[in-house]
Amino acid sequence: CDVMVENFAPGALDRMGFTWERIQEINPRMIYASVKGFGPGPFEDCK
């Protein structure tokens, strides 16, 4: 694929073993798009 889109809870794909670094190794052309509740800051891990 060209694009992967996810809106899992923060860190879900990382825990599966598919970090952004690992995804780049598999497919350097992959665009990895994520929806999260908050950006970096005190609430970033909140649902």
All heavy atoms as atom14 arrays in JSON, in Angstrom:
{
  "sequence": "CDVMVENFAPGALDRMGFTWERIQEINPRMIYASVKGFGPGPFEDCK",
  "atom14_mask": [
    [1, 1, 1, 1, 1, 1, 0, 0, 0, 0, 0, 0, 0, 0],
    [1, 1, 1, 1, 1, 1, 1, 1, 0, 0, 0, 0, 0, 0],
    [1, 1, 1, 1, 1, 1, 1, 0, 0, 0, 0, 0, 0, 0],
    [1, 1, 1, 1, 1, 1, 1, 1, 0, 0, 0, 0, 0, 0],
    [1, 1, 1, 1, 1, 1, 1, 0, 0, 0, 0, 0, 0, 0],
    [1, 1, 1, 1, 1, 1, 1, 1, 1, 0, 0, 0, 0, 0],
    [1, 1, 1, 1, 1, 1, 1, 1, 0, 0, 0, 0, 0, 0],
    [1, 1, 1, 1, 1, 1, 1, 1, 1, 1, 1, 0, 0, 0],
    [1, 1, 1, 1, 1, 0, 0, 0, 0, 0, 0, 0, 0, 0],
    [1, 1, 1, 1, 1, 1, 1, 0, 0, 0, 0, 0, 0, 0],
    [1, 1, 1, 1, 0, 0, 0, 0, 0, 0, 0, 0, 0, 0],
    [1, 1, 1, 1, 1, 0, 0, 0, 0, 0, 0, 0, 0, 0],
    [1, 1, 1, 1, 1, 1, 1, 1, 0, 0, 0, 0, 0, 0],
    [1, 1, 1, 1, 1, 1, 1, 1, 0, 0, 0, 0, 0, 0],
    [1, 1, 1, 1, 1, 1, 1, 1, 1, 1, 1, 0, 0, 0],
    [1, 1, 1, 1, 1, 1, 1, 1, 0, 0, 0, 0, 0, 0],
    [1, 1, 1, 1, 0, 0, 0, 0, 0, 0, 0, 0, 0, 0],
    [1, 1, 1, 1, 1, 1, 1, 1, 1, 1, 1, 0, 0, 0],
    [1, 1, 1, 1, 1, 1, 1, 0, 0, 0, 0, 0, 0, 0],
    [1, 1, 1, 1, 1, 1, 1, 1, 1, 1, 1, 1, 1, 1],
    [1, 1, 1, 1, 1, 1, 1, 1, 1, 0, 0, 0, 0, 0],
    [1, 1, 1, 1, 1, 1, 1, 1, 1, 1, 1, 0, 0, 0],
    [1, 1, 1, 1, 1, 1, 1, 1, 0, 0, 0, 0, 0, 0],
    [1, 1, 1, 1, 1, 1, 1, 1, 1, 0, 0, 0, 0, 0],
    [1, 1, 1, 1, 1, 1, 1, 1, 1, 0, 0, 0, 0, 0],
    [1, 1, 1, 1, 1, 1, 1, 1, 0, 0, 0, 0, 0, 0],
    [1, 1, 1, 1, 1, 1, 1, 1, 0, 0, 0, 0, 0, 0],
    [1, 1, 1, 1, 1, 1, 1, 0, 0, 0, 0, 0, 0, 0],
    [1, 1, 1, 1, 1, 1, 1, 1, 1, 1, 1, 0, 0, 0],
    [1, 1, 1, 1, 1, 1, 1, 1, 0, 0, 0, 0, 0, 0],
    [1, 1, 1, 1, 1, 1, 1, 1, 0, 0, 0, 0, 0, 0],
    [1, 1, 1, 1, 1, 1, 1, 1, 1, 1, 1, 1, 0, 0],
    [1, 1, 1, 1, 1, 0, 0, 0, 0, 0, 0, 0, 0, 0],
    [1, 1, 1, 1, 1, 1, 0, 0, 0, 0, 0, 0, 0, 0],
    [1, 1, 1, 1, 1, 1, 1, 0, 0, 0, 0, 0, 0, 0],
    [1, 1, 1, 1, 1, 1, 1, 1, 1, 0, 0, 0, 0, 0],
    [1, 1, 1, 1, 0, 0, 0, 0, 0, 0, 0, 0, 0, 0],
    [1, 1, 1, 1, 1, 1, 1, 1, 1, 1, 1, 0, 0, 0],
    [1, 1, 1, 1, 0, 0, 0, 0, 0, 0, 0, 0, 0, 0],
    [1, 1, 1, 1, 1, 1, 1, 0, 0, 0, 0, 0, 0, 0],
    [1, 1, 1, 1, 0, 0, 0, 0, 0, 0, 0, 0, 0, 0],
    [1, 1, 1, 1, 1, 1, 1, 0, 0, 0, 0, 0, 0, 0],
    [1, 1, 1, 1, 1, 1, 1, 1, 1, 1, 1, 0, 0, 0],
    [1, 1, 1, 1, 1, 1, 1, 1, 1, 0, 0, 0, 0, 0],
    [1, 1, 1, 1, 1, 1, 1, 1, 0, 0, 0, 0, 0, 0],
    [1, 1, 1, 1, 1, 1, 0, 0, 0, 0, 0, 0, 0, 0],
    [1, 1, 1, 1, 1, 1, 1, 1, 1, 0, 0, 0, 0, 0]
  ],
  "atom14_positions": [
    [[0.81, -1.22, 0.0], [0.0, 0.0, 0.0], [0.85, 1.27, 0.0], [2.04, 1.25, 0.31], [-0.94, 0.0, 1.2], [-2.23, -1.28, 1.11], [0.0, 0.0, 0.0], [0.0, 0.0, 0.0], [0.0, 0.0, 0.0], [0.0, 0.0, 0.0], [0.0, 0.0, 0.0], [0.0, 0.0, 0.0], [0.0, 0.0, 0.0], [0.0, 0.0, 0.0]],
    [[0.19, 2.37, -0.34], [0.83, 3.68, -0.38], [0.62, 4.47, 0.91], [1.48, 5.27, 1.3], [0.26, 4.5, -1.54], [0.51, 3.87, -2.88], [1.64, 3.97, -3.37], [-0.43, 3.26, -3.43], [0.0, 0.0, 0.0], [0.0, 0.0, 0.0], [0.0, 0.0, 0.0], [0.0, 0.0, 0.0], [0.0, 0.0, 0.0], [0.0, 0.0, 0.0]],
    [[-0.54, 4.28, 1.53], [-0.92, 5.06, 2.7], [-1.52, 4.13, 3.74], [-2.32, 3.24, 3.39], [-1.96, 6.15, 2.34], [-2.34, 6.97, 3.58], [-1.46, 7.05, 1.23], [0.0, 0.0, 0.0], [0.0, 0.0, 0.0], [0.0, 0.0, 0.0], [0.0, 0.0, 0.0], [0.0, 0.0, 0.0], [0.0, 0.0, 0.0], [0.0, 0.0, 0.0]],
    [[-1.14, 4.29, 4.99], [-1.81, 3.6, 6.09], [-2.45, 4.64, 6.99], [-1.8, 5.62, 7.37], [-0.83, 2.74, 6.9], [-1.51, 2.01, 8.07], [-0.49, 0.73, 8.82], [0.81, 1.71, 9.55], [0.0, 0.0, 0.0], [0.0, 0.0, 0.0], [0.0, 0.0, 0.0], [0.0, 0.0, 0.0], [0.0, 0.0, 0.0], [0.0, 0.0, 0.0]],
    [[-3.71, 4.42, 7.32], [-4.45, 5.35, 8.16], [-4.95, 4.61, 9.39], [-5.5, 3.51, 9.28], [-5.66, 5.96, 7.4], [-6.26, 7.11, 8.2], [-5.25, 6.45, 6.01], [0.0, 0.0, 0.0], [0.0, 0.0, 0.0], [0.0, 0.0, 0.0], [0.0, 0.0, 0.0], [0.0, 0.0, 0.0], [0.0, 0.0, 0.0], [0.0, 0.0, 0.0]],
    [[-4.75, 5.2, 10.57], [-5.22, 4.56, 11.81], [-5.68, 5.61, 12.81], [-5.2, 6.75, 12.79], [-4.14, 3.66, 12.41], [-2.82, 4.33, 12.74], [-2.76, 4.9, 14.16], [-3.67, 4.61, 14.97], [-1.79, 5.63, 14.45], [0.0, 0.0, 0.0], [0.0, 0.0, 0.0], [0.0, 0.0, 0.0], [0.0, 0.0, 0.0], [0.0, 0.0, 0.0]],
    [[-6.61, 5.22, 13.65], [-7.03, 6.07, 14.77], [-7.13, 5.24, 16.05], [-8.08, 5.36, 16.81], [-8.34, 6.81, 14.46], [-9.51, 5.89, 14.16], [-9.34, 4.76, 13.68], [-10.72, 6.35, 14.43], [0.0, 0.0, 0.0], [0.0, 0.0, 0.0], [0.0, 0.0, 0.0], [0.0, 0.0, 0.0], [0.0, 0.0, 0.0], [0.0, 0.0, 0.0]],
    [[-6.12, 4.38, 16.25], [-6.03, 3.59, 17.48], [-5.72, 4.5, 18.67], [-5.33, 5.66, 18.5], [-4.92, 2.54, 17.37], [-5.19, 1.46, 16.34], [-4.24, 1.15, 15.38], [-6.37, 0.74, 16.36], [-4.46, 0.16, 14.44], [-6.61, -0.26, 15.42], [-5.64, -0.55, 14.46], [0.0, 0.0, 0.0], [0.0, 0.0, 0.0], [0.0, 0.0, 0.0]],
    [[-5.85, 3.92, 19.85], [-5.39, 4.62, 21.05], [-3.88, 4.85, 20.93], [-3.17, 4.1, 20.24], [-5.71, 3.79, 22.29], [0.0, 0.0, 0.0], [0.0, 0.0, 0.0], [0.0, 0.0, 0.0], [0.0, 0.0, 0.0], [0.0, 0.0, 0.0], [0.0, 0.0, 0.0], [0.0, 0.0, 0.0], [0.0, 0.0, 0.0], [0.0, 0.0, 0.0]],
    [[-3.36, 5.89, 21.57], [-1.93, 6.19, 21.46], [-1.04, 4.98, 21.77], [-1.24, 4.3, 22.78], [-1.73, 7.31, 22.49], [-3.07, 7.98, 22.59], [-4.07, 6.87, 22.42], [0.0, 0.0, 0.0], [0.0, 0.0, 0.0], [0.0, 0.0, 0.0], [0.0, 0.0, 0.0], [0.0, 0.0, 0.0], [0.0, 0.0, 0.0], [0.0, 0.0, 0.0]],
    [[-0.08, 4.71, 20.89], [0.9, 3.65, 21.12], [0.47, 2.26, 20.73], [1.26, 1.3, 20.88], [0.0, 0.0, 0.0], [0.0, 0.0, 0.0], [0.0, 0.0, 0.0], [0.0, 0.0, 0.0], [0.0, 0.0, 0.0], [0.0, 0.0, 0.0], [0.0, 0.0, 0.0], [0.0, 0.0, 0.0], [0.0, 0.0, 0.0], [0.0, 0.0, 0.0]],
    [[-0.74, 2.08, 20.18], [-1.24, 0.73, 19.88], [-0.39, 0.02, 18.84], [-0.01, -1.15, 19.01], [-2.7, 0.81, 19.42], [0.0, 0.0, 0.0], [0.0, 0.0, 0.0], [0.0, 0.0, 0.0], [0.0, 0.0, 0.0], [0.0, 0.0, 0.0], [0.0, 0.0, 0.0], [0.0, 0.0, 0.0], [0.0, 0.0, 0.0], [0.0, 0.0, 0.0]],
    [[-0.07, 0.68, 17.74], [0.74, 0.04, 16.71], [2.16, -0.22, 17.18], [2.77, -1.23, 16.82], [0.76, 0.9, 15.44], [-0.37, 0.68, 14.44], [-0.16, 1.56, 13.22], [-0.48, -0.77, 14.01], [0.0, 0.0, 0.0], [0.0, 0.0, 0.0], [0.0, 0.0, 0.0], [0.0, 0.0, 0.0], [0.0, 0.0, 0.0], [0.0, 0.0, 0.0]],
    [[2.69, 0.68, 18.0], [4.03, 0.46, 18.55], [4.07, -0.83, 19.36], [5.03, -1.62, 19.26], [4.43, 1.63, 19.45], [4.71, 2.9, 18.66], [4.61, 2.87, 17.41], [5.01, 3.94, 19.28], [0.0, 0.0, 0.0], [0.0, 0.0, 0.0], [0.0, 0.0, 0.0], [0.0, 0.0, 0.0], [0.0, 0.0, 0.0], [0.0, 0.0, 0.0]],
    [[3.02, -1.05, 20.15], [2.98, -2.26, 20.98], [2.84, -3.52, 20.14], [3.22, -4.61, 20.57], [1.84, -2.16, 21.99], [2.07, -1.1, 23.08], [1.04, -1.18, 24.18], [-0.29, -0.79, 23.74], [-0.75, 0.45, 23.73], [0.04, 1.46, 24.12], [-1.99, 0.71, 23.31], [0.0, 0.0, 0.0], [0.0, 0.0, 0.0], [0.0, 0.0, 0.0]],
    [[2.32, -3.38, 18.93], [2.22, -4.52, 18.01], [3.55, -4.81, 17.33], [3.7, -5.81, 16.63], [1.16, -4.25, 16.95], [-0.27, -4.31, 17.47], [-1.46, -3.57, 16.3], [-0.96, -4.27, 14.75], [0.0, 0.0, 0.0], [0.0, 0.0, 0.0], [0.0, 0.0, 0.0], [0.0, 0.0, 0.0], [0.0, 0.0, 0.0], [0.0, 0.0, 0.0]],
    [[4.52, -3.91, 17.52], [5.82, -4.09, 16.88], [5.98, -3.32, 15.59], [6.98, -3.47, 14.89], [0.0, 0.0, 0.0], [0.0, 0.0, 0.0], [0.0, 0.0, 0.0], [0.0, 0.0, 0.0], [0.0, 0.0, 0.0], [0.0, 0.0, 0.0], [0.0, 0.0, 0.0], [0.0, 0.0, 0.0], [0.0, 0.0, 0.0], [0.0, 0.0, 0.0]],
    [[5.01, -2.47, 15.27], [5.07, -1.72, 14.03], [5.23, -0.22, 14.34], [4.31, 0.57, 14.21], [3.82, -1.98, 13.18], [3.77, -3.38, 12.63], [3.11, -4.39, 13.32], [4.41, -3.7, 11.45], [3.08, -5.68, 12.84], [4.38, -5.0, 10.94], [3.71, -6.0, 11.65], [0.0, 0.0, 0.0], [0.0, 0.0, 0.0], [0.0, 0.0, 0.0]],
    [[6.42, 0.12, 14.78], [6.76, 1.52, 15.01], [6.91, 2.22, 13.67], [7.0, 1.57, 12.61], [8.07, 1.64, 15.79], [9.13, 1.06, 15.0], [7.99, 0.9, 17.13], [0.0, 0.0, 0.0], [0.0, 0.0, 0.0], [0.0, 0.0, 0.0], [0.0, 0.0, 0.0], [0.0, 0.0, 0.0], [0.0, 0.0, 0.0], [0.0, 0.0, 0.0]],
    [[6.98, 3.54, 13.69], [7.19, 4.28, 12.46], [8.52, 3.89, 11.81], [8.59, 3.74, 10.57], [7.15, 5.78, 12.75], [7.59, 6.69, 11.63], [8.49, 7.69, 11.71], [7.13, 6.67, 10.27], [8.63, 8.32, 10.49], [7.81, 7.72, 9.58], [6.23, 5.88, 9.56], [7.62, 7.99, 8.23], [6.02, 6.14, 8.21], [6.71, 7.18, 7.55]],
    [[9.54, 3.64, 12.62], [10.83, 3.22, 12.07], [10.72, 1.87, 11.36], [11.28, 1.68, 10.28], [11.88, 3.17, 13.18], [12.26, 4.52, 13.77], [11.18, 5.13, 14.66], [10.34, 4.35, 15.19], [11.17, 6.37, 14.82], [0.0, 0.0, 0.0], [0.0, 0.0, 0.0], [0.0, 0.0, 0.0], [0.0, 0.0, 0.0], [0.0, 0.0, 0.0]],
    [[9.96, 0.95, 11.96], [9.78, -0.37, 11.35], [8.96, -0.26, 10.06], [9.28, -0.92, 9.06], [9.07, -1.3, 12.35], [8.7, -2.67, 11.81], [9.91, -3.44, 11.33], [9.53, -4.74, 10.77], [10.13, -5.29, 9.72], [11.15, -4.66, 9.12], [9.74, -6.47, 9.27], [0.0, 0.0, 0.0], [0.0, 0.0, 0.0], [0.0, 0.0, 0.0]],
    [[7.95, 0.57, 10.07], [7.13, 0.77, 8.86], [7.99, 1.33, 7.73], [7.87, 0.9, 6.57], [5.94, 1.69, 9.18], [4.96, 0.96, 10.12], [5.22, 2.13, 7.9], [3.91, 1.86, 10.73], [0.0, 0.0, 0.0], [0.0, 0.0, 0.0], [0.0, 0.0, 0.0], [0.0, 0.0, 0.0], [0.0, 0.0, 0.0], [0.0, 0.0, 0.0]],
    [[8.89, 2.26, 8.05], [9.78, 2.83, 7.03], [10.72, 1.78, 6.46], [11.05, 1.81, 5.27], [10.59, 3.98, 7.63], [9.79, 5.27, 7.84], [10.66, 6.37, 8.41], [11.2, 6.24, 9.5], [10.8, 7.44, 7.66], [0.0, 0.0, 0.0], [0.0, 0.0, 0.0], [0.0, 0.0, 0.0], [0.0, 0.0, 0.0], [0.0, 0.0, 0.0]],
    [[11.16, 0.85, 7.32], [12.02, -0.23, 6.84], [11.28, -1.11, 5.83], [11.84, -1.53, 4.82], [12.5, -1.09, 8.02], [13.5, -0.42, 8.93], [13.82, -1.28, 10.14], [13.31, -2.43, 10.19], [14.56, -0.82, 11.02], [0.0, 0.0, 0.0], [0.0, 0.0, 0.0], [0.0, 0.0, 0.0], [0.0, 0.0, 0.0], [0.0, 0.0, 0.0]],
    [[10.01, -1.39, 6.14], [9.21, -2.25, 5.27], [8.89, -1.55, 3.94], [8.99, -2.15, 2.87], [7.9, -2.65, 5.98], [8.2, -3.44, 7.26], [7.0, -3.47, 5.05], [6.98, -3.64, 8.15], [0.0, 0.0, 0.0], [0.0, 0.0, 0.0], [0.0, 0.0, 0.0], [0.0, 0.0, 0.0], [0.0, 0.0, 0.0], [0.0, 0.0, 0.0]],
    [[8.52, -0.28, 4.03], [8.12, 0.47, 2.84], [8.49, 1.94, 3.01], [7.74, 2.71, 3.61], [6.61, 0.33, 2.59], [6.15, 1.04, 1.33], [6.93, 1.71, 0.65], [4.87, 0.89, 1.01], [0.0, 0.0, 0.0], [0.0, 0.0, 0.0], [0.0, 0.0, 0.0], [0.0, 0.0, 0.0], [0.0, 0.0, 0.0], [0.0, 0.0, 0.0]],
    [[9.65, 2.36, 2.48], [10.09, 3.74, 2.66], [9.15, 4.78, 2.05], [9.22, 5.95, 2.39], [11.47, 3.77, 1.96], [11.91, 2.35, 1.91], [10.65, 1.54, 1.78], [0.0, 0.0, 0.0], [0.0, 0.0, 0.0], [0.0, 0.0, 0.0], [0.0, 0.0, 0.0], [0.0, 0.0, 0.0], [0.0, 0.0, 0.0], [0.0, 0.0, 0.0]],
    [[8.29, 4.35, 1.12], [7.36, 5.28, 0.47], [6.02, 5.38, 1.2], [5.15, 6.15, 0.8], [7.11, 4.83, -0.98], [8.32, 5.0, -1.89], [8.06, 4.42, -3.28], [6.89, 5.0, -3.93], [6.86, 6.17, -4.57], [7.98, 6.9, -4.64], [5.76, 6.62, -5.15], [0.0, 0.0, 0.0], [0.0, 0.0, 0.0], [0.0, 0.0, 0.0]],
    [[5.89, 4.62, 2.28], [4.61, 4.6, 3.0], [4.33, 5.94, 3.68], [5.18, 6.51, 4.36], [4.62, 3.49, 4.05], [3.42, 3.5, 5.0], [1.83, 3.24, 4.18], [1.89, 1.47, 3.86], [0.0, 0.0, 0.0], [0.0, 0.0, 0.0], [0.0, 0.0, 0.0], [0.0, 0.0, 0.0], [0.0, 0.0, 0.0], [0.0, 0.0, 0.0]],
    [[3.11, 6.42, 3.51], [2.6, 7.58, 4.24], [1.74, 7.05, 5.38], [0.76, 6.34, 5.15], [1.8, 8.5, 3.31], [2.74, 9.12, 2.26], [1.07, 9.58, 4.1], [2.03, 9.7, 1.07], [0.0, 0.0, 0.0], [0.0, 0.0, 0.0], [0.0, 0.0, 0.0], [0.0, 0.0, 0.0], [0.0, 0.0, 0.0], [0.0, 0.0, 0.0]],
    [[2.13, 7.37, 6.6], [1.48, 6.82, 7.79], [0.69, 7.95, 8.46], [1.27, 8.88, 9.02], [2.55, 6.25, 8.71], [2.09, 5.78, 10.08], [0.76, 5.47, 10.35], [3.01, 5.63, 11.12], [0.36, 5.04, 11.59], [2.62, 5.2, 12.37], [1.29, 4.92, 12.6], [0.89, 4.49, 13.84], [0.0, 0.0, 0.0], [0.0, 0.0, 0.0]],
    [[-0.62, 7.86, 8.37], [-1.49, 8.94, 8.85], [-2.26, 8.5, 10.09], [-2.82, 7.4, 10.12], [-2.47, 9.34, 7.75], [0.0, 0.0, 0.0], [0.0, 0.0, 0.0], [0.0, 0.0, 0.0], [0.0, 0.0, 0.0], [0.0, 0.0, 0.0], [0.0, 0.0, 0.0], [0.0, 0.0, 0.0], [0.0, 0.0, 0.0], [0.0, 0.0, 0.0]],
    [[-2.29, 9.37, 11.09], [-2.91, 9.03, 12.37], [-3.83, 10.13, 12.85], [-3.52, 11.31, 12.72], [-1.84, 8.81, 13.46], [-0.95, 7.79, 13.1], [0.0, 0.0, 0.0], [0.0, 0.0, 0.0], [0.0, 0.0, 0.0], [0.0, 0.0, 0.0], [0.0, 0.0, 0.0], [0.0, 0.0, 0.0], [0.0, 0.0, 0.0], [0.0, 0.0, 0.0]],
    [[-4.95, 9.72, 13.44], [-5.81, 10.62, 14.19], [-5.58, 10.34, 15.67], [-5.61, 9.19, 16.11], [-7.3, 10.4, 13.87], [-8.19, 11.19, 14.84], [-7.61, 10.82, 12.44], [0.0, 0.0, 0.0], [0.0, 0.0, 0.0], [0.0, 0.0, 0.0], [0.0, 0.0, 0.0], [0.0, 0.0, 0.0], [0.0, 0.0, 0.0], [0.0, 0.0, 0.0]],
    [[-5.36, 11.38, 16.44], [-5.26, 11.26, 17.89], [-6.14, 12.32, 18.53], [-6.55, 13.29, 17.88], [-3.8, 11.42, 18.34], [-2.9, 10.28, 17.87], [-3.26, 8.97, 18.54], [-2.43, 7.8, 18.03], [-2.95, 7.23, 16.76], [0.0, 0.0, 0.0], [0.0, 0.0, 0.0], [0.0, 0.0, 0.0], [0.0, 0.0, 0.0], [0.0, 0.0, 0.0]],
    [[-6.43, 12.16, 19.8], [-7.28, 13.12, 20.48], [-6.59, 14.45, 20.71], [-7.14, 15.51, 20.44], [0.0, 0.0, 0.0], [0.0, 0.0, 0.0], [0.0, 0.0, 0.0], [0.0, 0.0, 0.0], [0.0, 0.0, 0.0], [0.0, 0.0, 0.0], [0.0, 0.0, 0.0], [0.0, 0.0, 0.0], [0.0, 0.0, 0.0], [0.0, 0.0, 0.0]],
    [[-5.33, 14.36, 21.2], [-4.57, 15.57, 21.5], [-3.18, 15.48, 20.89], [-2.66, 14.37, 20.67], [-4.42, 15.75, 23.02], [-5.71, 15.96, 23.76], [-6.36, 14.89, 24.36], [-6.29, 17.22, 23.85], [-7.55, 15.06, 25.04], [-7.48, 17.41, 24.53], [-8.1, 16.33, 25.14], [0.0, 0.0, 0.0], [0.0, 0.0, 0.0], [0.0, 0.0, 0.0]],
    [[-2.58, 16.63, 20.64], [-1.2, 16.66, 20.23], [-0.29, 16.53, 21.44], [-0.74, 16.29, 22.57], [0.0, 0.0, 0.0], [0.0, 0.0, 0.0], [0.0, 0.0, 0.0], [0.0, 0.0, 0.0], [0.0, 0.0, 0.0], [0.0, 0.0, 0.0], [0.0, 0.0, 0.0], [0.0, 0.0, 0.0], [0.0, 0.0, 0.0], [0.0, 0.0, 0.0]],
    [[1.03, 16.67, 21.25], [1.97, 16.57, 22.35], [1.63, 17.55, 23.47], [1.28, 18.7, 23.22], [3.31, 16.92, 21.7], [3.12, 16.58, 20.25], [1.69, 16.89, 19.95], [0.0, 0.0, 0.0], [0.0, 0.0, 0.0], [0.0, 0.0, 0.0], [0.0, 0.0, 0.0], [0.0, 0.0, 0.0], [0.0, 0.0, 0.0], [0.0, 0.0, 0.0]],
    [[1.7, 17.07, 24.71], [1.35, 17.92, 25.84], [0.78, 17.08, 26.97], [0.85, 15.84, 26.94], [0.0, 0.0, 0.0], [0.0, 0.0, 0.0], [0.0, 0.0, 0.0], [0.0, 0.0, 0.0], [0.0, 0.0, 0.0], [0.0, 0.0, 0.0], [0.0, 0.0, 0.0], [0.0, 0.0, 0.0], [0.0, 0.0, 0.0], [0.0, 0.0, 0.0]],
    [[0.19, 17.71, 27.95], [-0.26, 16.98, 29.15], [-1.4, 15.99, 28.89], [-1.61, 15.08, 29.68], [-0.72, 18.1, 30.09], [-1.02, 19.27, 29.2], [-0.05, 19.16, 28.07], [0.0, 0.0, 0.0], [0.0, 0.0, 0.0], [0.0, 0.0, 0.0], [0.0, 0.0, 0.0], [0.0, 0.0, 0.0], [0.0, 0.0, 0.0], [0.0, 0.0, 0.0]],
    [[-2.14, 16.15, 27.78], [-3.29, 15.27, 27.53], [-3.05, 14.28, 26.4], [-3.99, 13.6, 25.97], [-4.52, 16.12, 27.19], [-4.87, 17.16, 28.21], [-5.04, 18.48, 27.83], [-5.03, 16.82, 29.54], [-5.37, 19.46, 28.77], [-5.35, 17.78, 30.49], [-5.52, 19.1, 30.1], [0.0, 0.0, 0.0], [0.0, 0.0, 0.0], [0.0, 0.0, 0.0]],
    [[-1.83, 14.17, 25.89], [-1.61, 13.42, 24.66], [-1.95, 11.93, 24.77], [-2.22, 11.29, 23.76], [-0.17, 13.58, 24.18], [0.89, 13.03, 25.1], [2.29, 13.29, 24.53], [2.54, 12.92, 23.36], [3.11, 13.89, 25.24], [0.0, 0.0, 0.0], [0.0, 0.0, 0.0], [0.0, 0.0, 0.0], [0.0, 0.0, 0.0], [0.0, 0.0, 0.0]],
    [[-1.97, 11.37, 25.96], [-2.29, 9.95, 26.11], [-3.76, 9.71, 26.46], [-4.16, 8.58, 26.73], [-1.4, 9.32, 27.21], [0.06, 9.27, 26.79], [0.32, 9.11, 25.58], [0.93, 9.42, 27.66], [0.0, 0.0, 0.0], [0.0, 0.0, 0.0], [0.0, 0.0, 0.0], [0.0, 0.0, 0.0], [0.0, 0.0, 0.0], [0.0, 0.0, 0.0]],
    [[-4.57, 10.76, 26.44], [-5.98, 10.64, 26.81], [-6.82, 10.23, 25.6], [-6.57, 10.65, 24.47], [-6.51, 11.95, 27.36], [-5.67, 12.49, 28.87], [0.0, 0.0, 0.0], [0.0, 0.0, 0.0], [0.0, 0.0, 0.0], [0.0, 0.0, 0.0], [0.0, 0.0, 0.0], [0.0, 0.0, 0.0], [0.0, 0.0, 0.0], [0.0, 0.0, 0.0]],
    [[-7.85, 9.42, 25.86], [-8.79, 9.05, 24.8], [-9.8, 10.18, 24.59], [-10.2, 10.85, 25.53], [-9.52, 7.76, 25.16], [-8.66, 6.52, 25.13], [-9.46, 5.27, 25.45], [-10.44, 4.94, 24.35], [-11.13, 3.65, 24.59], [0.0, 0.0, 0.0], [0.0, 0.0, 0.0], [0.0, 0.0, 0.0], [0.0, 0.0, 0.0], [0.0, 0.0, 0.0]]
  ]
}
